[in-house]
């Protein structure tokens, strides 16, 4: 597998997990504020990782392939 494919696959997996955490945080907002905050914190950390991957993925696409 090419490095671009690996980055893209990892990005998709993290994006799916991020959406699950955000939804979980939203669902807990009214019933359990602590769980909501924990889920939101994890989602923010994951978003940071996604942003770093996006930077790498964008950088890889600028180089010509041989």
PDB file of N, CA and C in Angstrom:
ATOM      1  N   UNK A   1       0.840  -1.176   0.000  1.00  0.00           N
ATOM      2  CA  UNK A   1       0.000   0.000   0.000  1.00  0.00           C
ATOM      3  C   UNK A   1       0.888   1.244   0.000  1.00  0.00           C
ATOM      4  N   UNK A   2       0.496   2.233  -0.744  1.00  0.00           N
ATOM      5  CA  UNK A   2       1.244   3.480  -0.793  1.00  0.00           C
ATOM      6  C   UNK A   2       1.041   4.268   0.500  1.00  0.00           C
ATOM      7  N   UNK A   3       1.981   5.149   0.744  1.00  0.00           N
ATOM      8  CA  UNK A   3       1.902   5.965   1.953  1.00  0.00           C
ATOM      9  C   UNK A   3       0.664   6.862   1.911  1.00  0.00           C
ATOM     10  N   UNK A   4       0.324   7.388   0.735  1.00  0.00           N
ATOM     11  CA  UNK A   4      -0.874   8.230   0.611  1.00  0.00           C
ATOM     12  C   UNK A   4      -2.131   7.459   0.989  1.00  0.00           C
ATOM     13  N   UNK A   5      -2.188   6.205   0.567  1.00  0.00           N
ATOM     14  CA  UNK A   5      -3.355   5.376   0.881  1.00  0.00           C
ATOM     15  C   UNK A   5      -3.450   5.120   2.381  1.00  0.00           C
ATOM     16  N   UNK A   6      -2.305   4.876   3.006  1.00  0.00           N
ATOM     17  CA  UNK A   6      -2.293   4.651   4.451  1.00  0.00           C
ATOM     18  C   UNK A   6      -2.737   5.895   5.213  1.00  0.00           C
ATOM     19  N   UNK A   7      -2.237   7.052   4.781  1.00  0.00           N
ATOM     20  CA  UNK A   7      -2.636   8.298   5.433  1.00  0.00           C
ATOM     21  C   UNK A   7      -4.130   8.556   5.269  1.00  0.00           C
ATOM     22  N   UNK A   8      -4.626   8.302   4.070  1.00  0.00           N
ATOM     23  CA  UNK A   8      -6.045   8.531   3.798  1.00  0.00           C
ATOM     24  C   UNK A   8      -6.919   7.584   4.620  1.00  0.00           C
ATOM     25  N   UNK A   9      -6.524   6.322   4.691  1.00  0.00           N
ATOM     26  CA  UNK A   9      -7.282   5.339   5.466  1.00  0.00           C
ATOM     27  C   UNK A   9      -7.284   5.690   6.957  1.00  0.00           C
ATOM     28  N   UNK A  10      -6.132   6.080   7.466  1.00  0.00           N
ATOM     29  CA  UNK A  10      -6.028   6.460   8.876  1.00  0.00           C
ATOM     30  C   UNK A  10      -6.865   7.708   9.160  1.00  0.00           C
ATOM     31  N   UNK A  11      -6.832   8.652   8.236  1.00  0.00           N
ATOM     32  CA  UNK A  11      -7.615   9.881   8.387  1.00  0.00           C
ATOM     33  C   UNK A  11      -9.113   9.573   8.434  1.00  0.00           C
ATOM     34  N   UNK A  12      -9.572   8.671   7.577  1.00  0.00           N
ATOM     35  CA  UNK A  12     -10.986   8.312   7.557  1.00  0.00           C
ATOM     36  C   UNK A  12     -11.398   7.632   8.860  1.00  0.00           C
ATOM     37  N   UNK A  13     -10.535   6.774   9.375  1.00  0.00           N
ATOM     38  CA  UNK A  13     -10.827   6.082  10.618  1.00  0.00           C
ATOM     39  C   UNK A  13     -10.902   7.068  11.795  1.00  0.00           C
ATOM     40  N   UNK A  14      -9.964   7.997  11.841  1.00  0.00           N
ATOM     41  CA  UNK A  14      -9.966   8.994  12.907  1.00  0.00           C
ATOM     42  C   UNK A  14     -11.158   9.937  12.786  1.00  0.00           C
ATOM     43  N   UNK A  15     -11.526  10.281  11.567  1.00  0.00           N
ATOM     44  CA  UNK A  15     -12.671  11.159  11.350  1.00  0.00           C
ATOM     45  C   UNK A  15     -13.964  10.501  11.829  1.00  0.00           C
ATOM     46  N   UNK A  16     -14.091   9.213  11.568  1.00  0.00           N
ATOM     47  CA  UNK A  16     -15.274   8.475  12.033  1.00  0.00           C
ATOM     48  C   UNK A  16     -15.330   8.460  13.561  1.00  0.00           C
ATOM     49  N   UNK A  17     -14.188   8.203  14.189  1.00  0.00           N
ATOM     50  CA  UNK A  17     -14.122   8.182  15.657  1.00  0.00           C
ATOM     51  C   UNK A  17     -14.411   9.567  16.236  1.00  0.00           C
ATOM     52  N   UNK A  18     -13.914  10.617  15.576  1.00  0.00           N
ATOM     53  CA  UNK A  18     -14.166  11.988  16.017  1.00  0.00           C
ATOM     54  C   UNK A  18     -15.665  12.288  16.015  1.00  0.00           C
ATOM     55  N   UNK A  19     -16.337  11.911  14.951  1.00  0.00           N
ATOM     56  CA  UNK A  19     -17.781  12.149  14.863  1.00  0.00           C
ATOM     57  C   UNK A  19     -18.541  11.387  15.947  1.00  0.00           C
ATOM     58  N   UNK A  20     -18.096  10.161  16.240  1.00  0.00           N
ATOM     59  CA  UNK A  20     -18.737   9.386  17.311  1.00  0.00           C
ATOM     60  C   UNK A  20     -18.566  10.072  18.659  1.00  0.00           C
ATOM     61  N   UNK A  21     -17.368  10.581  18.926  1.00  0.00           N
ATOM     62  CA  UNK A  21     -17.121  11.250  20.205  1.00  0.00           C
ATOM     63  C   UNK A  21     -17.928  12.542  20.334  1.00  0.00           C
ATOM     64  N   UNK A  22     -18.033  13.280  19.258  1.00  0.00           N
ATOM     65  CA  UNK A  22     -18.818  14.526  19.287  1.00  0.00           C
ATOM     66  C   UNK A  22     -20.289  14.210  19.530  1.00  0.00           C
ATOM     67  N   UNK A  23     -20.788  13.189  18.874  1.00  0.00           N
ATOM     68  CA  UNK A  23     -22.181  12.792  19.071  1.00  0.00           C
ATOM     69  C   UNK A  23     -22.407  12.323  20.510  1.00  0.00           C
ATOM     70  N   UNK A  24     -21.469  11.564  21.017  1.00  0.00           N
ATOM     71  CA  UNK A  24     -21.567  11.081  22.401  1.00  0.00           C
ATOM     72  C   UNK A  24     -21.564  12.258  23.389  1.00  0.00           C
ATOM     73  N   UNK A  25     -20.686  13.223  23.154  1.00  0.00           N
ATOM     74  CA  UNK A  25     -20.629  14.406  24.021  1.00  0.00           C
ATOM     75  C   UNK A  25     -21.961  15.149  23.980  1.00  0.00           C
ATOM     76  N   UNK A  26     -22.527  15.281  22.794  1.00  0.00           N
ATOM     77  CA  UNK A  26     -23.812  15.968  22.657  1.00  0.00           C
ATOM     78  C   UNK A  26     -24.922  15.216  23.386  1.00  0.00           C
ATOM     79  N   UNK A  27     -24.930  13.894  23.250  1.00  0.00           N
ATOM     80  CA  UNK A  27     -25.975  13.097  23.891  1.00  0.00           C
ATOM     81  C   UNK A  27     -25.879  13.120  25.419  1.00  0.00           C
ATOM     82  N   UNK A  28     -24.673  13.214  25.941  1.00  0.00           N
ATOM     83  CA  UNK A  28     -24.487  13.249  27.392  1.00  0.00           C
ATOM     84  C   UNK A  28     -24.677  14.653  27.987  1.00  0.00           C
ATOM     85  N   UNK A  29     -24.770  15.652  27.153  1.00  0.00           N
ATOM     86  CA  UNK A  29     -24.790  17.037  27.632  1.00  0.00           C
ATOM     87  C   UNK A  29     -25.847  17.294  28.709  1.00  0.00           C
ATOM     88  N   UNK A  30     -27.031  16.755  28.563  1.00  0.00           N
ATOM     89  CA  UNK A  30     -28.117  17.019  29.512  1.00  0.00           C
ATOM     90  C   UNK A  30     -28.129  16.061  30.699  1.00  0.00           C
ATOM     91  N   UNK A  31     -27.576  14.859  30.528  1.00  0.00           N
ATOM     92  CA  UNK A  31     -27.694  13.857  31.584  1.00  0.00           C
ATOM     93  C   UNK A  31     -26.432  13.705  32.422  1.00  0.00           C
ATOM     94  N   UNK A  32     -25.257  13.823  31.817  1.00  0.00           N
ATOM     95  CA  UNK A  32     -24.011  13.598  32.539  1.00  0.00           C
ATOM     96  C   UNK A  32     -22.951  14.558  31.999  1.00  0.00           C
ATOM     97  N   UNK A  33     -22.823  15.701  32.659  1.00  0.00           N
ATOM     98  CA  UNK A  33     -21.919  16.745  32.185  1.00  0.00           C
ATOM     99  C   UNK A  33     -20.464  16.281  32.180  1.00  0.00           C
ATOM    100  N   UNK A  34     -20.079  15.478  33.153  1.00  0.00           N
ATOM    101  CA  UNK A  34     -18.692  15.014  33.222  1.00  0.00           C
ATOM    102  C   UNK A  34     -18.352  14.128  32.032  1.00  0.00           C
ATOM    103  N   UNK A  35     -19.236  13.196  31.706  1.00  0.00           N
ATOM    104  CA  UNK A  35     -18.999  12.321  30.548  1.00  0.00           C
ATOM    105  C   UNK A  35     -18.989  13.128  29.247  1.00  0.00           C
ATOM    106  N   UNK A  36     -19.834  14.136  29.180  1.00  0.00           N
ATOM    107  CA  UNK A  36     -19.863  14.999  28.010  1.00  0.00           C
ATOM    108  C   UNK A  36     -18.524  15.715  27.845  1.00  0.00           C
ATOM    109  N   UNK A  37     -17.999  16.247  28.940  1.00  0.00           N
ATOM    110  CA  UNK A  37     -16.718  16.946  28.895  1.00  0.00           C
ATOM    111  C   UNK A  37     -15.577  16.010  28.512  1.00  0.00           C
ATOM    112  N   UNK A  38     -15.593  14.797  29.048  1.00  0.00           N
ATOM    113  CA  UNK A  38     -14.551  13.825  28.722  1.00  0.00           C
ATOM    114  C   UNK A  38     -14.587  13.471  27.244  1.00  0.00           C
ATOM    115  N   UNK A  39     -15.775  13.222  26.726  1.00  0.00           N
ATOM    116  CA  UNK A  39     -15.912  12.888  25.307  1.00  0.00           C
ATOM    117  C   UNK A  39     -15.483  14.059  24.425  1.00  0.00           C
ATOM    118  N   UNK A  40     -15.836  15.254  24.838  1.00  0.00           N
ATOM    119  CA  UNK A  40     -15.460  16.425  24.060  1.00  0.00           C
ATOM    120  C   UNK A  40     -13.946  16.624  24.084  1.00  0.00           C
ATOM    121  N   UNK A  41     -13.327  16.398  25.229  1.00  0.00           N
ATOM    122  CA  UNK A  41     -11.872  16.513  25.346  1.00  0.00           C
ATOM    123  C   UNK A  41     -11.179  15.510  24.421  1.00  0.00           C
ATOM    124  N   UNK A  42     -11.654  14.270  24.426  1.00  0.00           N
ATOM    125  CA  UNK A  42     -11.074  13.242  23.561  1.00  0.00           C
ATOM    126  C   UNK A  42     -11.259  13.622  22.092  1.00  0.00           C
ATOM    127  N   UNK A  43     -12.413  14.182  21.774  1.00  0.00           N
ATOM    128  CA  UNK A  43     -12.682  14.596  20.392  1.00  0.00           C
ATOM    129  C   UNK A  43     -11.735  15.721  19.972  1.00  0.00           C
ATOM    130  N   UNK A  44     -11.462  16.645  20.863  1.00  0.00           N
ATOM    131  CA  UNK A  44     -10.554  17.748  20.545  1.00  0.00           C
ATOM    132  C   UNK A  44      -9.137  17.223  20.308  1.00  0.00           C
ATOM    133  N   UNK A  45      -8.701  16.280  21.135  1.00  0.00           N
ATOM    134  CA  UNK A  45      -7.379  15.680  20.935  1.00  0.00           C
ATOM    135  C   UNK A  45      -7.319  14.957  19.592  1.00  0.00           C
ATOM    136  N   UNK A  46      -8.390  14.271  19.253  1.00  0.00           N
ATOM    137  CA  UNK A  46      -8.455  13.560  17.988  1.00  0.00           C
ATOM    138  C   UNK A  46      -8.462  14.535  16.806  1.00  0.00           C
ATOM    139  N   UNK A  47      -9.142  15.651  16.969  1.00  0.00           N
ATOM    140  CA  UNK A  47      -9.173  16.666  15.918  1.00  0.00           C
ATOM    141  C   UNK A  47      -7.772  17.225  15.672  1.00  0.00           C
ATOM    142  N   UNK A  48      -7.010  17.391  16.741  1.00  0.00           N
ATOM    143  CA  UNK A  48      -5.631  17.852  16.599  1.00  0.00           C
ATOM    144  C   UNK A  48      -4.812  16.849  15.785  1.00  0.00           C
ATOM    145  N   UNK A  49      -5.004  15.577  16.075  1.00  0.00           N
ATOM    146  CA  UNK A  49      -4.302  14.522  15.333  1.00  0.00           C
ATOM    147  C   UNK A  49      -4.758  14.518  13.870  1.00  0.00           C
ATOM    148  N   UNK A  50      -6.046  14.709  13.642  1.00  0.00           N
ATOM    149  CA  UNK A  50      -6.566  14.778  12.273  1.00  0.00           C
ATOM    150  C   UNK A  50      -5.955  15.948  11.499  1.00  0.00           C
ATOM    151  N   UNK A  51      -5.821  17.071  12.160  1.00  0.00           N
ATOM    152  CA  UNK A  51      -5.238  18.243  11.510  1.00  0.00           C
ATOM    153  C   UNK A  51      -3.780  17.993  11.127  1.00  0.00           C
ATOM    154  N   UNK A  52      -3.043  17.297  11.985  1.00  0.00           N
ATOM    155  CA  UNK A  52      -1.661  16.962  11.658  1.00  0.00           C
ATOM    156  C   UNK A  52      -1.602  16.001  10.471  1.00  0.00           C
ATOM    157  N   UNK A  53      -2.510  15.027  10.449  1.00  0.00           N
ATOM    158  CA  UNK A  53      -2.556  14.096   9.315  1.00  0.00           C
ATOM    159  C   UNK A  53      -2.927  14.818   8.025  1.00  0.00           C
ATOM    160  N   UNK A  54      -3.844  15.741   8.120  1.00  0.00           N
ATOM    161  CA  UNK A  54      -4.255  16.520   6.951  1.00  0.00           C
ATOM    162  C   UNK A  54      -3.064  17.302   6.400  1.00  0.00           C
ATOM    163  N   UNK A  55      -2.261  17.836   7.295  1.00  0.00           N
ATOM    164  CA  UNK A  55      -1.064  18.561   6.877  1.00  0.00           C
ATOM    165  C   UNK A  55      -0.108  17.626   6.134  1.00  0.00           C
ATOM    166  N   UNK A  56       0.108  16.429   6.674  1.00  0.00           N
ATOM    167  CA  UNK A  56       0.980  15.457   6.021  1.00  0.00           C
ATOM    168  C   UNK A  56       0.415  15.018   4.679  1.00  0.00           C
ATOM    169  N   UNK A  57      -0.875  14.755   4.648  1.00  0.00           N
ATOM    170  CA  UNK A  57      -1.521  14.283   3.427  1.00  0.00           C
ATOM    171  C   UNK A  57      -1.451  15.348   2.333  1.00  0.00           C
ATOM    172  N   UNK A  58      -1.668  16.586   2.715  1.00  0.00           N
ATOM    173  CA  UNK A  58      -1.613  17.685   1.752  1.00  0.00           C
ATOM    174  C   UNK A  58      -0.188  17.858   1.242  1.00  0.00           C
ATOM    175  N   UNK A  59       0.784  17.697   2.138  1.00  0.00           N
ATOM    176  CA  UNK A  59       2.176  17.816   1.732  1.00  0.00           C
ATOM    177  C   UNK A  59       2.603  16.717   0.788  1.00  0.00           C
ATOM    178  N   UNK A  60       2.102  15.515   0.981  1.00  0.00           N
ATOM    179  CA  UNK A  60       2.436  14.387   0.122  1.00  0.00           C
ATOM    180  C   UNK A  60       1.870  14.572  -1.284  1.00  0.00           C
ATOM    181  N   UNK A  61       0.720  15.198  -1.408  1.00  0.00           N
ATOM    182  CA  UNK A  61       0.080  15.321  -2.706  1.00  0.00           C
ATOM    183  C   UNK A  61       0.788  16.366  -3.587  1.00  0.00           C
ATOM    184  N   UNK A  62       1.621  17.210  -2.992  1.00  0.00           N
ATOM    185  CA  UNK A  62       2.333  18.230  -3.768  1.00  0.00           C
ATOM    186  C   UNK A  62       3.562  17.679  -4.473  1.00  0.00           C
ATOM    187  N   UNK A  63       4.059  16.516  -4.042  1.00  0.00           N
ATOM    188  CA  UNK A  63       5.253  15.947  -4.650  1.00  0.00           C
ATOM    189  C   UNK A  63       4.862  15.083  -5.847  1.00  0.00           C
ATOM    190  N   UNK A  64       5.616  15.195  -6.931  1.00  0.00           N
ATOM    191  CA  UNK A  64       5.315  14.331  -8.078  1.00  0.00           C
ATOM    192  C   UNK A  64       5.681  12.887  -7.764  1.00  0.00           C
ATOM    193  N   UNK A  65       4.908  11.975  -8.293  1.00  0.00           N
ATOM    194  CA  UNK A  65       5.183  10.555  -8.085  1.00  0.00           C
ATOM    195  C   UNK A  65       5.955  10.028  -9.284  1.00  0.00           C
ATOM    196  N   UNK A  66       6.882   9.104  -9.037  1.00  0.00           N
ATOM    197  CA  UNK A  66       7.646   8.553 -10.153  1.00  0.00           C
ATOM    198  C   UNK A  66       7.214   7.157 -10.476  1.00  0.00           C
TER     199      UNK A  66
END
